[in-house]
ModelCIF file with pLDDT and N, C-alpha, C, O atoms, coordinates in Angstrom:
data_MODEL
#
_entry.id   MODEL 
#
_entity.id                         1 
_entity.type                       polymer 
_entity.pdbx_number_of_molecules   1 
#
_entity_poly.entity_id                      1 
_entity_poly.type                           'polypeptide(L)' 
_entity_poly.nstd_linkage                   no 
_entity_poly.nstd_monomer                   no 
_entity_poly.pdbx_seq_one_letter_code       
;(UNK)(UNK)(UNK)(UNK)(UNK)(UNK)(UNK)(UNK)(UNK)(UNK)(UNK)(UNK)(UNK)(UNK)(UNK)(UNK)
(UNK)(UNK)(UNK)(UNK)(UNK)(UNK)(UNK)(UNK)(UNK)(UNK)(UNK)(UNK)(UNK)(UNK)(UNK)(UNK)
(UNK)(UNK)(UNK)(UNK)(UNK)
;
_entity_poly.pdbx_seq_one_letter_code_can   XXXXXXXXXXXXXXXXXXXXXXXXXXXXXXXXXXXXX 
_entity_poly.pdbx_strand_id                 A 
#
loop_
_entity_poly_seq.entity_id 
_entity_poly_seq.num 
_entity_poly_seq.mon_id 
_entity_poly_seq.hetero 
1 1  UNK n 
1 2  UNK n 
1 3  UNK n 
1 4  UNK n 
1 5  UNK n 
1 6  UNK n 
1 7  UNK n 
1 8  UNK n 
1 9  UNK n 
1 10 UNK n 
1 11 UNK n 
1 12 UNK n 
1 13 UNK n 
1 14 UNK n 
1 15 UNK n 
1 16 UNK n 
1 17 UNK n 
1 18 UNK n 
1 19 UNK n 
1 20 UNK n 
1 21 UNK n 
1 22 UNK n 
1 23 UNK n 
1 24 UNK n 
1 25 UNK n 
1 26 UNK n 
1 27 UNK n 
1 28 UNK n 
1 29 UNK n 
1 30 UNK n 
1 31 UNK n 
1 32 UNK n 
1 33 UNK n 
1 34 UNK n 
1 35 UNK n 
1 36 UNK n 
1 37 UNK n 
#
_struct_asym.id          A 
_struct_asym.entity_id   1 
#
loop_
_ma_qa_metric.id 
_ma_qa_metric.mode 
_ma_qa_metric.name 
_ma_qa_metric.software_group_id 
_ma_qa_metric.type 
1 global pLDDT . pLDDT 
2 local  pLDDT . pLDDT 
#
_ma_qa_metric_global.metric_id      1 
_ma_qa_metric_global.metric_value   96.97 
_ma_qa_metric_global.model_id       1 
_ma_qa_metric_global.ordinal_id     1 
#
loop_
_ma_qa_metric_local.label_asym_id 
_ma_qa_metric_local.label_comp_id 
_ma_qa_metric_local.label_seq_id 
_ma_qa_metric_local.metric_id 
_ma_qa_metric_local.metric_value 
_ma_qa_metric_local.model_id 
_ma_qa_metric_local.ordinal_id 
A UNK 1  2 93.00 1 1  
A UNK 2  2 93.00 1 2  
A UNK 3  2 91.00 1 3  
A UNK 4  2 93.00 1 4  
A UNK 5  2 96.00 1 5  
A UNK 6  2 97.00 1 6  
A UNK 7  2 97.00 1 7  
A UNK 8  2 97.00 1 8  
A UNK 9  2 98.00 1 9  
A UNK 10 2 97.00 1 10 
A UNK 11 2 97.00 1 11 
A UNK 12 2 97.00 1 12 
A UNK 13 2 98.00 1 13 
A UNK 14 2 98.00 1 14 
A UNK 15 2 97.00 1 15 
A UNK 16 2 97.00 1 16 
A UNK 17 2 98.00 1 17 
A UNK 18 2 97.00 1 18 
A UNK 19 2 97.00 1 19 
A UNK 20 2 98.00 1 20 
A UNK 21 2 97.00 1 21 
A UNK 22 2 98.00 1 22 
A UNK 23 2 98.00 1 23 
A UNK 24 2 98.00 1 24 
A UNK 25 2 98.00 1 25 
A UNK 26 2 98.00 1 26 
A UNK 27 2 98.00 1 27 
A UNK 28 2 98.00 1 28 
A UNK 29 2 98.00 1 29 
A UNK 30 2 98.00 1 30 
A UNK 31 2 98.00 1 31 
A UNK 32 2 98.00 1 32 
A UNK 33 2 98.00 1 33 
A UNK 34 2 98.00 1 34 
A UNK 35 2 97.00 1 35 
A UNK 36 2 97.00 1 36 
A UNK 37 2 97.00 1 37 
#
loop_
_atom_site.group_PDB 
_atom_site.id 
_atom_site.type_symbol 
_atom_site.label_atom_id 
_atom_site.label_alt_id 
_atom_site.label_comp_id 
_atom_site.label_asym_id 
_atom_site.label_entity_id 
_atom_site.label_seq_id 
_atom_site.pdbx_PDB_ins_code 
_atom_site.Cartn_x 
_atom_site.Cartn_y 
_atom_site.Cartn_z 
_atom_site.occupancy 
_atom_site.B_iso_or_equiv 
_atom_site.pdbx_formal_charge 
_atom_site.auth_seq_id 
_atom_site.auth_comp_id 
_atom_site.auth_asym_id 
_atom_site.auth_atom_id 
_atom_site.pdbx_PDB_model_num 
ATOM 1   N N  . UNK A 1 1  ? 0.885  -1.226  0.048   1.00 93.00 ? 1  UNK A N  1 
ATOM 2   C CA . UNK A 1 1  ? 0.010  -0.069  0.020   1.00 93.00 ? 1  UNK A CA 1 
ATOM 3   C C  . UNK A 1 1  ? 0.794  1.270   -0.022  1.00 93.00 ? 1  UNK A C  1 
ATOM 4   O O  . UNK A 1 1  ? 0.285  2.297   0.428   1.00 93.00 ? 1  UNK A O  1 
ATOM 5   N N  . UNK A 1 2  ? 2.013  1.254   -0.554  1.00 93.00 ? 2  UNK A N  1 
ATOM 6   C CA . UNK A 1 2  ? 2.996  2.403   -0.724  1.00 93.00 ? 2  UNK A CA 1 
ATOM 7   C C  . UNK A 1 2  ? 3.942  1.992   -1.684  1.00 93.00 ? 2  UNK A C  1 
ATOM 8   O O  . UNK A 1 2  ? 4.257  0.823   -1.910  1.00 93.00 ? 2  UNK A O  1 
ATOM 9   N N  . UNK A 1 3  ? 4.426  3.096   -2.294  1.00 91.00 ? 3  UNK A N  1 
ATOM 10  C CA . UNK A 1 3  ? 5.635  2.893   -3.083  1.00 91.00 ? 3  UNK A CA 1 
ATOM 11  C C  . UNK A 1 3  ? 7.033  2.985   -2.463  1.00 91.00 ? 3  UNK A C  1 
ATOM 12  O O  . UNK A 1 3  ? 8.076  2.678   -3.042  1.00 91.00 ? 3  UNK A O  1 
ATOM 13  N N  . UNK A 1 4  ? 6.920  3.449   -1.204  1.00 93.00 ? 4  UNK A N  1 
ATOM 14  C CA . UNK A 1 4  ? 8.154  3.669   -0.504  1.00 93.00 ? 4  UNK A CA 1 
ATOM 15  C C  . UNK A 1 4  ? 8.171  3.066   0.922   1.00 93.00 ? 4  UNK A C  1 
ATOM 16  O O  . UNK A 1 4  ? 8.239  3.756   1.940   1.00 93.00 ? 4  UNK A O  1 
ATOM 17  N N  . UNK A 1 5  ? 8.105  1.767   0.902   1.00 96.00 ? 5  UNK A N  1 
ATOM 18  C CA . UNK A 1 5  ? 7.953  1.043   2.133   1.00 96.00 ? 5  UNK A CA 1 
ATOM 19  C C  . UNK A 1 5  ? 9.111  1.109   3.012   1.00 96.00 ? 5  UNK A C  1 
ATOM 20  O O  . UNK A 1 5  ? 10.206 1.483   2.592   1.00 96.00 ? 5  UNK A O  1 
ATOM 21  N N  . UNK A 1 6  ? 8.887  0.725   4.331   1.00 97.00 ? 6  UNK A N  1 
ATOM 22  C CA . UNK A 1 6  ? 10.032 0.551   5.225   1.00 97.00 ? 6  UNK A CA 1 
ATOM 23  C C  . UNK A 1 6  ? 10.720 -0.724  5.136   1.00 97.00 ? 6  UNK A C  1 
ATOM 24  O O  . UNK A 1 6  ? 10.103 -1.701  4.712   1.00 97.00 ? 6  UNK A O  1 
ATOM 25  N N  . UNK A 1 7  ? 12.060 -0.825  5.530   1.00 97.00 ? 7  UNK A N  1 
ATOM 26  C CA . UNK A 1 7  ? 12.755 -2.091  5.469   1.00 97.00 ? 7  UNK A CA 1 
ATOM 27  C C  . UNK A 1 7  ? 11.916 -3.186  6.305   1.00 97.00 ? 7  UNK A C  1 
ATOM 28  O O  . UNK A 1 7  ? 11.845 -4.376  5.999   1.00 97.00 ? 7  UNK A O  1 
ATOM 29  N N  . UNK A 1 8  ? 11.276 -2.561  7.446   1.00 97.00 ? 8  UNK A N  1 
ATOM 30  C CA . UNK A 1 8  ? 10.620 -3.698  8.333   1.00 97.00 ? 8  UNK A CA 1 
ATOM 31  C C  . UNK A 1 8  ? 9.342  -4.105  7.572   1.00 97.00 ? 8  UNK A C  1 
ATOM 32  O O  . UNK A 1 8  ? 9.035  -5.292  7.680   1.00 97.00 ? 8  UNK A O  1 
ATOM 33  N N  . UNK A 1 9  ? 8.594  -3.368  6.866   1.00 98.00 ? 9  UNK A N  1 
ATOM 34  C CA . UNK A 1 9  ? 7.483  -3.684  6.134   1.00 98.00 ? 9  UNK A CA 1 
ATOM 35  C C  . UNK A 1 9  ? 7.844  -4.781  5.033   1.00 98.00 ? 9  UNK A C  1 
ATOM 36  O O  . UNK A 1 9  ? 7.174  -5.805  4.898   1.00 98.00 ? 9  UNK A O  1 
ATOM 37  N N  . UNK A 1 10 ? 8.883  -4.498  4.313   1.00 97.00 ? 10 UNK A N  1 
ATOM 38  C CA . UNK A 1 10 ? 9.237  -5.496  3.341   1.00 97.00 ? 10 UNK A CA 1 
ATOM 39  C C  . UNK A 1 10 ? 9.691  -6.838  3.892   1.00 97.00 ? 10 UNK A C  1 
ATOM 40  O O  . UNK A 1 10 ? 9.434  -7.890  3.308   1.00 97.00 ? 10 UNK A O  1 
ATOM 41  N N  . UNK A 1 11 ? 10.390 -6.774  5.062   1.00 97.00 ? 11 UNK A N  1 
ATOM 42  C CA . UNK A 1 11 ? 10.828 -7.925  5.752   1.00 97.00 ? 11 UNK A CA 1 
ATOM 43  C C  . UNK A 1 11 ? 9.746  -8.873  6.236   1.00 97.00 ? 11 UNK A C  1 
ATOM 44  O O  . UNK A 1 11 ? 9.802  -10.101 6.179   1.00 97.00 ? 11 UNK A O  1 
ATOM 45  N N  . UNK A 1 12 ? 8.734  -8.124  6.729   1.00 97.00 ? 12 UNK A N  1 
ATOM 46  C CA . UNK A 1 12 ? 7.455  -8.874  7.314   1.00 97.00 ? 12 UNK A CA 1 
ATOM 47  C C  . UNK A 1 12 ? 6.759  -9.429  6.150   1.00 97.00 ? 12 UNK A C  1 
ATOM 48  O O  . UNK A 1 12 ? 6.268  -10.554 6.238   1.00 97.00 ? 12 UNK A O  1 
ATOM 49  N N  . UNK A 1 13 ? 6.666  -8.736  5.047   1.00 98.00 ? 13 UNK A N  1 
ATOM 50  C CA . UNK A 1 13 ? 5.884  -9.206  3.924   1.00 98.00 ? 13 UNK A CA 1 
ATOM 51  C C  . UNK A 1 13 ? 6.643  -10.493 3.314   1.00 98.00 ? 13 UNK A C  1 
ATOM 52  O O  . UNK A 1 13 ? 5.991  -11.515 3.097   1.00 98.00 ? 13 UNK A O  1 
ATOM 53  N N  . UNK A 1 14 ? 7.840  -10.443 3.077   1.00 98.00 ? 14 UNK A N  1 
ATOM 54  C CA . UNK A 1 14 ? 8.626  -11.646 2.551   1.00 98.00 ? 14 UNK A CA 1 
ATOM 55  C C  . UNK A 1 14 ? 8.459  -12.759 3.483   1.00 98.00 ? 14 UNK A C  1 
ATOM 56  O O  . UNK A 1 14 ? 8.144  -13.870 3.056   1.00 98.00 ? 14 UNK A O  1 
ATOM 57  N N  . UNK A 1 15 ? 8.649  -12.539 4.725   1.00 97.00 ? 15 UNK A N  1 
ATOM 58  C CA . UNK A 1 15 ? 8.485  -13.537 5.789   1.00 97.00 ? 15 UNK A CA 1 
ATOM 59  C C  . UNK A 1 15 ? 7.147  -14.158 5.684   1.00 97.00 ? 15 UNK A C  1 
ATOM 60  O O  . UNK A 1 15 ? 7.053  -15.385 5.730   1.00 97.00 ? 15 UNK A O  1 
ATOM 61  N N  . UNK A 1 16 ? 6.060  -13.373 5.540   1.00 97.00 ? 16 UNK A N  1 
ATOM 62  C CA . UNK A 1 16 ? 4.732  -14.021 5.495   1.00 97.00 ? 16 UNK A CA 1 
ATOM 63  C C  . UNK A 1 16 ? 4.604  -15.014 4.269   1.00 97.00 ? 16 UNK A C  1 
ATOM 64  O O  . UNK A 1 16 ? 4.109  -16.137 4.368   1.00 97.00 ? 16 UNK A O  1 
ATOM 65  N N  . UNK A 1 17 ? 5.043  -14.538 3.252   1.00 98.00 ? 17 UNK A N  1 
ATOM 66  C CA . UNK A 1 17 ? 5.002  -15.374 2.004   1.00 98.00 ? 17 UNK A CA 1 
ATOM 67  C C  . UNK A 1 17 ? 5.853  -16.639 2.112   1.00 98.00 ? 17 UNK A C  1 
ATOM 68  O O  . UNK A 1 17 ? 5.455  -17.697 1.627   1.00 98.00 ? 17 UNK A O  1 
ATOM 69  N N  . UNK A 1 18 ? 6.940  -16.541 2.702   1.00 97.00 ? 18 UNK A N  1 
ATOM 70  C CA . UNK A 1 18 ? 7.794  -17.740 2.832   1.00 97.00 ? 18 UNK A CA 1 
ATOM 71  C C  . UNK A 1 18 ? 7.163  -18.675 3.783   1.00 97.00 ? 18 UNK A C  1 
ATOM 72  O O  . UNK A 1 18 ? 7.333  -19.888 3.665   1.00 97.00 ? 18 UNK A O  1 
ATOM 73  N N  . UNK A 1 19 ? 6.436  -18.158 4.728   1.00 97.00 ? 19 UNK A N  1 
ATOM 74  C CA . UNK A 1 19 ? 5.862  -19.033 5.994   1.00 97.00 ? 19 UNK A CA 1 
ATOM 75  C C  . UNK A 1 19 ? 4.526  -19.560 5.650   1.00 97.00 ? 19 UNK A C  1 
ATOM 76  O O  . UNK A 1 19 ? 4.113  -20.589 6.184   1.00 97.00 ? 19 UNK A O  1 
ATOM 77  N N  . UNK A 1 20 ? 3.808  -18.880 4.752   1.00 98.00 ? 20 UNK A N  1 
ATOM 78  C CA . UNK A 1 20 ? 2.367  -19.236 4.510   1.00 98.00 ? 20 UNK A CA 1 
ATOM 79  C C  . UNK A 1 20 ? 2.099  -19.792 3.153   1.00 98.00 ? 20 UNK A C  1 
ATOM 80  O O  . UNK A 1 20 ? 1.981  -19.009 2.212   1.00 98.00 ? 20 UNK A O  1 
ATOM 81  N N  . UNK A 1 21 ? 1.988  -21.139 2.964   1.00 97.00 ? 21 UNK A N  1 
ATOM 82  C CA . UNK A 1 21 ? 1.887  -21.722 1.588   1.00 97.00 ? 21 UNK A CA 1 
ATOM 83  C C  . UNK A 1 21 ? 0.519  -21.263 0.723   1.00 97.00 ? 21 UNK A C  1 
ATOM 84  O O  . UNK A 1 21 ? 0.388  -21.547 -0.467  1.00 97.00 ? 21 UNK A O  1 
ATOM 85  N N  . UNK A 1 22 ? -0.332 -20.623 1.382   1.00 98.00 ? 22 UNK A N  1 
ATOM 86  C CA . UNK A 1 22 ? -1.525 -20.255 0.637   1.00 98.00 ? 22 UNK A CA 1 
ATOM 87  C C  . UNK A 1 22 ? -1.133 -19.104 -0.382  1.00 98.00 ? 22 UNK A C  1 
ATOM 88  O O  . UNK A 1 22 ? -1.826 -18.978 -1.391  1.00 98.00 ? 22 UNK A O  1 
ATOM 89  N N  . UNK A 1 23 ? -0.150 -18.332 -0.188  1.00 98.00 ? 23 UNK A N  1 
ATOM 90  C CA . UNK A 1 23 ? 0.327  -17.372 -1.200  1.00 98.00 ? 23 UNK A CA 1 
ATOM 91  C C  . UNK A 1 23 ? 0.855  -18.209 -2.339  1.00 98.00 ? 23 UNK A C  1 
ATOM 92  O O  . UNK A 1 23 ? 0.367  -17.997 -3.449  1.00 98.00 ? 23 UNK A O  1 
ATOM 93  N N  . UNK A 1 24 ? 1.730  -19.073 -2.219  1.00 98.00 ? 24 UNK A N  1 
ATOM 94  C CA . UNK A 1 24 ? 2.206  -19.858 -3.317  1.00 98.00 ? 24 UNK A CA 1 
ATOM 95  C C  . UNK A 1 24 ? 1.053  -20.706 -3.942  1.00 98.00 ? 24 UNK A C  1 
ATOM 96  O O  . UNK A 1 24 ? 1.017  -20.777 -5.171  1.00 98.00 ? 24 UNK A O  1 
ATOM 97  N N  . UNK A 1 25 ? 0.232  -21.269 -3.301  1.00 98.00 ? 25 UNK A N  1 
ATOM 98  C CA . UNK A 1 25 ? -0.793 -21.941 -3.848  1.00 98.00 ? 25 UNK A CA 1 
ATOM 99  C C  . UNK A 1 25 ? -1.794 -21.011 -4.748  1.00 98.00 ? 25 UNK A C  1 
ATOM 100 O O  . UNK A 1 25 ? -2.281 -21.415 -5.804  1.00 98.00 ? 25 UNK A O  1 
ATOM 101 N N  . UNK A 1 26 ? -2.021 -19.816 -4.238  1.00 98.00 ? 26 UNK A N  1 
ATOM 102 C CA . UNK A 1 26 ? -2.863 -18.898 -5.059  1.00 98.00 ? 26 UNK A CA 1 
ATOM 103 C C  . UNK A 1 26 ? -2.126 -18.413 -6.332  1.00 98.00 ? 26 UNK A C  1 
ATOM 104 O O  . UNK A 1 26 ? -2.719 -18.211 -7.392  1.00 98.00 ? 26 UNK A O  1 
ATOM 105 N N  . UNK A 1 27 ? -0.725 -18.229 -6.151  1.00 98.00 ? 27 UNK A N  1 
ATOM 106 C CA . UNK A 1 27 ? 0.056  -17.795 -7.251  1.00 98.00 ? 27 UNK A CA 1 
ATOM 107 C C  . UNK A 1 27 ? 0.072  -18.979 -8.339  1.00 98.00 ? 27 UNK A C  1 
ATOM 108 O O  . UNK A 1 27 ? 0.090  -18.687 -9.535  1.00 98.00 ? 27 UNK A O  1 
ATOM 109 N N  . UNK A 1 28 ? 0.067  -20.155 -7.965  1.00 98.00 ? 28 UNK A N  1 
ATOM 110 C CA . UNK A 1 28 ? 0.048  -21.362 -8.800  1.00 98.00 ? 28 UNK A CA 1 
ATOM 111 C C  . UNK A 1 28 ? -1.207 -21.321 -9.498  1.00 98.00 ? 28 UNK A C  1 
ATOM 112 O O  . UNK A 1 28 ? -1.187 -21.500 -10.716 1.00 98.00 ? 28 UNK A O  1 
ATOM 113 N N  . UNK A 1 29 ? -2.425 -21.087 -8.840  1.00 98.00 ? 29 UNK A N  1 
ATOM 114 C CA . UNK A 1 29 ? -3.664 -21.057 -9.586  1.00 98.00 ? 29 UNK A CA 1 
ATOM 115 C C  . UNK A 1 29 ? -3.775 -19.986 -10.659 1.00 98.00 ? 29 UNK A C  1 
ATOM 116 O O  . UNK A 1 29 ? -4.196 -20.247 -11.786 1.00 98.00 ? 29 UNK A O  1 
ATOM 117 N N  . UNK A 1 30 ? -3.380 -18.749 -10.271 1.00 98.00 ? 30 UNK A N  1 
ATOM 118 C CA . UNK A 1 30 ? -3.208 -17.688 -11.190 1.00 98.00 ? 30 UNK A CA 1 
ATOM 119 C C  . UNK A 1 30 ? -2.395 -17.965 -12.404 1.00 98.00 ? 30 UNK A C  1 
ATOM 120 O O  . UNK A 1 30 ? -2.774 -17.681 -13.540 1.00 98.00 ? 30 UNK A O  1 
ATOM 121 N N  . UNK A 1 31 ? -1.162 -18.581 -12.092 1.00 98.00 ? 31 UNK A N  1 
ATOM 122 C CA . UNK A 1 31 ? -0.293 -18.899 -13.133 1.00 98.00 ? 31 UNK A CA 1 
ATOM 123 C C  . UNK A 1 31 ? -0.948 -19.933 -14.070 1.00 98.00 ? 31 UNK A C  1 
ATOM 124 O O  . UNK A 1 31 ? -0.888 -19.779 -15.290 1.00 98.00 ? 31 UNK A O  1 
ATOM 125 N N  . UNK A 1 32 ? -1.520 -20.896 -13.556 1.00 98.00 ? 32 UNK A N  1 
ATOM 126 C CA . UNK A 1 32 ? -2.006 -22.004 -14.483 1.00 98.00 ? 32 UNK A CA 1 
ATOM 127 C C  . UNK A 1 32 ? -3.115 -21.398 -15.414 1.00 98.00 ? 32 UNK A C  1 
ATOM 128 O O  . UNK A 1 32 ? -3.218 -21.822 -16.566 1.00 98.00 ? 32 UNK A O  1 
ATOM 129 N N  . UNK A 1 33 ? -3.927 -20.438 -14.951 1.00 98.00 ? 33 UNK A N  1 
ATOM 130 C CA . UNK A 1 33 ? -4.831 -19.777 -15.779 1.00 98.00 ? 33 UNK A CA 1 
ATOM 131 C C  . UNK A 1 33 ? -4.107 -18.856 -16.825 1.00 98.00 ? 33 UNK A C  1 
ATOM 132 O O  . UNK A 1 33 ? -4.543 -18.797 -17.975 1.00 98.00 ? 33 UNK A O  1 
ATOM 133 N N  . UNK A 1 34 ? -3.138 -18.223 -16.485 1.00 98.00 ? 34 UNK A N  1 
ATOM 134 C CA . UNK A 1 34 ? -2.439 -17.220 -17.237 1.00 98.00 ? 34 UNK A CA 1 
ATOM 135 C C  . UNK A 1 34 ? -1.809 -18.173 -18.444 1.00 98.00 ? 34 UNK A C  1 
ATOM 136 O O  . UNK A 1 34 ? -1.975 -17.853 -19.620 1.00 98.00 ? 34 UNK A O  1 
ATOM 137 N N  . UNK A 1 35 ? -1.146 -19.250 -18.105 1.00 97.00 ? 35 UNK A N  1 
ATOM 138 C CA . UNK A 1 35 ? -0.655 -20.049 -19.085 1.00 97.00 ? 35 UNK A CA 1 
ATOM 139 C C  . UNK A 1 35 ? -1.550 -20.829 -20.026 1.00 97.00 ? 35 UNK A C  1 
ATOM 140 O O  . UNK A 1 35 ? -1.123 -21.271 -21.093 1.00 97.00 ? 35 UNK A O  1 
ATOM 141 N N  . UNK A 1 36 ? -2.892 -21.003 -19.583 1.00 97.00 ? 36 UNK A N  1 
ATOM 142 C CA . UNK A 1 36 ? -3.900 -21.596 -20.359 1.00 97.00 ? 36 UNK A CA 1 
ATOM 143 C C  . UNK A 1 36 ? -4.716 -20.775 -21.380 1.00 97.00 ? 36 UNK A C  1 
ATOM 144 O O  . UNK A 1 36 ? -5.600 -21.231 -22.105 1.00 97.00 ? 36 UNK A O  1 
ATOM 145 N N  . UNK A 1 37 ? -4.261 -19.417 -21.325 1.00 97.00 ? 37 UNK A N  1 
ATOM 146 C CA . UNK A 1 37 ? -5.157 -18.489 -22.188 1.00 97.00 ? 37 UNK A CA 1 
ATOM 147 C C  . UNK A 1 37 ? -4.557 -18.222 -23.624 1.00 97.00 ? 37 UNK A C  1 
ATOM 148 O O  . UNK A 1 37 ? -5.158 -17.503 -24.422 1.00 97.00 ? 37 UNK A O  1 
#
């Protein structure tokens, strides 16, 4: 929600994605749809 994030915000976000598999699952769903069009 900003173009100039703090280092802490970037670190927390990367940590969330690495720890929560639902982000990768959703990206895989979107990716499959993109590739199929």
